[in-house]
Amino acid sequence: MQHYIATYWNGTAWTDLHSEPLPFRDAEDKATSALLKGCGTTRLRPADQPDHLKTISAEQIAALRAYAVRYGEDWKEYLGIEWQCATAPAPLHRLRNTQGPSWLEGFTLPSSIMGCP
């Protein structure tokens, strides 16, 4: 699950309202509370994920490889749609839950994983 930091504009820079990353609804509550107190413009920013959430398991790599082989060069587009519809195979859906949907945009399978030399 993605976590967020609520921030507000102090006139010159965005300032964090809290230090611990929070689930979306909790961070949204912090931002709303600050807005109601007159802090001005607020927003949520994605928090950096802990290293243990950035790790991809061997099962997930194998599932990504199989998916990419099955769907060809458009595999990311198809997987993104399946993530939105919650119809992706379990290992890939867990990957979406731990890495976040935007992770897929920047991810590239190494050539060796795709079966190329």
Protein backbone atom coordinates (compact mmCIF):
# COMPACT_ATOMS: atom_id res chain seq x y z
CA MET A 1 0.00 0.00 0.00
CA GLN A 2 1.31 3.42 -0.95
CA HIS A 3 1.86 5.87 1.91
CA TYR A 4 1.77 9.66 1.79
CA ILE A 5 3.01 12.79 3.53
CA ALA A 6 0.60 15.74 3.82
CA THR A 7 2.29 19.04 2.98
CA TYR A 8 1.33 22.71 2.90
CA TRP A 9 2.69 25.75 1.05
CA ASN A 10 4.37 28.12 3.51
CA GLY A 11 4.82 30.89 0.96
CA THR A 12 8.22 29.80 -0.30
CA ALA A 13 8.29 25.98 -0.16
CA TRP A 14 6.20 22.88 0.54
CA THR A 15 6.48 21.90 4.22
CA ASP A 16 5.62 18.50 5.68
CA LEU A 17 2.75 18.40 8.18
CA HIS A 18 3.96 15.12 9.73
CA SER A 19 7.09 12.97 9.59
CA GLU A 20 5.70 9.43 9.44
CA PRO A 21 4.27 8.20 6.11
CA LEU A 22 0.54 7.50 6.42
CA PRO A 23 -2.07 5.61 4.40
CA PHE A 24 -3.92 7.87 1.95
CA ARG A 25 -7.02 8.56 4.06
CA ASP A 26 -5.01 9.40 7.18
CA ALA A 27 -2.69 11.74 5.26
CA GLU A 28 -5.72 13.30 3.57
CA ASP A 29 -7.25 13.94 7.02
CA LYS A 30 -4.05 15.73 8.10
CA ALA A 31 -4.11 17.89 4.96
CA THR A 32 -7.81 18.72 5.41
CA SER A 33 -7.29 19.59 9.07
CA ALA A 34 -4.41 21.94 8.16
CA LEU A 35 -6.52 23.54 5.44
CA LEU A 36 -9.34 24.16 7.90
CA LYS A 37 -6.86 25.75 10.34
CA GLY A 38 -5.88 28.25 7.64
CA CYS A 39 -2.56 26.78 6.54
CA GLY A 40 -3.38 27.64 2.92
CA THR A 41 -2.79 25.25 0.06
CA THR A 42 -2.19 21.61 1.01
CA ARG A 43 -1.35 18.52 -0.99
CA LEU A 44 -0.25 14.91 -0.55
CA ARG A 45 3.05 13.60 -1.83
CA PRO A 46 3.95 9.93 -2.10
CA ALA A 47 6.34 8.86 0.66
CA ASP A 48 9.48 6.93 -0.17
CA GLN A 49 8.86 3.24 0.30
CA PRO A 50 11.01 1.24 2.71
CA ASP A 51 13.63 -0.94 1.00
CA HIS A 52 11.82 -4.16 1.94
CA LEU A 53 8.85 -3.02 -0.17
CA LYS A 54 11.03 -2.26 -3.19
CA THR A 55 12.31 -5.84 -3.41
CA ILE A 56 10.75 -8.05 -6.06
CA SER A 57 10.54 -11.76 -5.29
CA ALA A 58 11.73 -14.50 -7.65
CA GLU A 59 8.08 -15.55 -8.02
CA GLN A 60 7.13 -12.03 -9.13
CA ILE A 61 10.04 -11.84 -11.61
CA ALA A 62 8.96 -15.19 -13.08
CA ALA A 63 5.35 -13.98 -13.27
CA LEU A 64 6.44 -10.73 -14.98
CA ARG A 65 8.56 -12.66 -17.47
CA ALA A 66 5.74 -15.09 -18.29
CA TYR A 67 3.30 -12.21 -18.64
CA ALA A 68 5.67 -10.28 -20.92
CA VAL A 69 6.26 -13.34 -23.11
CA ARG A 70 2.51 -13.97 -23.36
CA TYR A 71 1.50 -10.38 -24.23
CA GLY A 72 4.56 -9.25 -26.18
CA GLU A 73 5.74 -5.67 -26.47
CA ASP A 74 2.45 -4.26 -25.08
CA TRP A 75 2.65 -6.32 -21.88
CA LYS A 76 2.89 -3.27 -19.60
CA GLU A 77 -0.27 -1.76 -21.08
CA TYR A 78 -2.19 -5.02 -20.58
CA LEU A 79 -0.87 -5.46 -17.05
CA GLY A 80 -1.81 -1.88 -16.18
CA ILE A 81 -5.37 -2.58 -17.32
CA GLU A 82 -5.50 -5.82 -15.33
CA TRP A 83 -4.24 -3.95 -12.26
CA GLN A 84 -7.02 -1.39 -12.65
CA CYS A 85 -9.62 -4.16 -12.99
CA ALA A 86 -8.04 -6.29 -10.21
CA THR A 87 -7.84 -9.28 -12.58
CA ALA A 88 -4.05 -9.78 -12.65
CA PRO A 89 -2.57 -13.07 -11.42
CA ALA A 90 -1.96 -13.04 -7.65
CA PRO A 91 1.86 -12.56 -7.73
CA LEU A 92 1.45 -9.60 -10.08
CA HIS A 93 -1.37 -8.09 -8.07
CA ARG A 94 0.78 -8.31 -4.92
CA LEU A 95 3.49 -6.52 -6.88
CA ARG A 96 1.04 -3.72 -7.68
CA ASN A 97 0.07 -3.47 -4.01
CA THR A 98 3.67 -3.26 -2.77
CA GLN A 99 5.26 -1.18 -5.54
CA GLY A 100 2.31 0.97 -6.57
CA PRO A 101 0.82 1.26 -10.05
CA SER A 102 3.23 3.98 -11.22
CA TRP A 103 6.17 1.62 -10.60
CA LEU A 104 5.35 -0.26 -13.80
CA GLU A 105 6.01 2.80 -15.99
CA GLY A 106 9.68 2.96 -14.99
CA PHE A 107 10.29 -0.79 -14.80
CA THR A 108 12.13 -2.61 -17.58
CA LEU A 109 12.70 -6.34 -17.71
CA PRO A 110 16.38 -7.05 -18.35
CA SER A 111 17.04 -8.59 -21.80
CA SER A 112 18.26 -11.79 -20.18
CA ILE A 113 14.92 -12.16 -18.40
CA MET A 114 13.07 -11.82 -21.72
CA GLY A 115 15.12 -14.70 -23.09
CA CYS A 116 17.47 -12.55 -25.20
CA PRO A 117 21.25 -12.92 -24.95
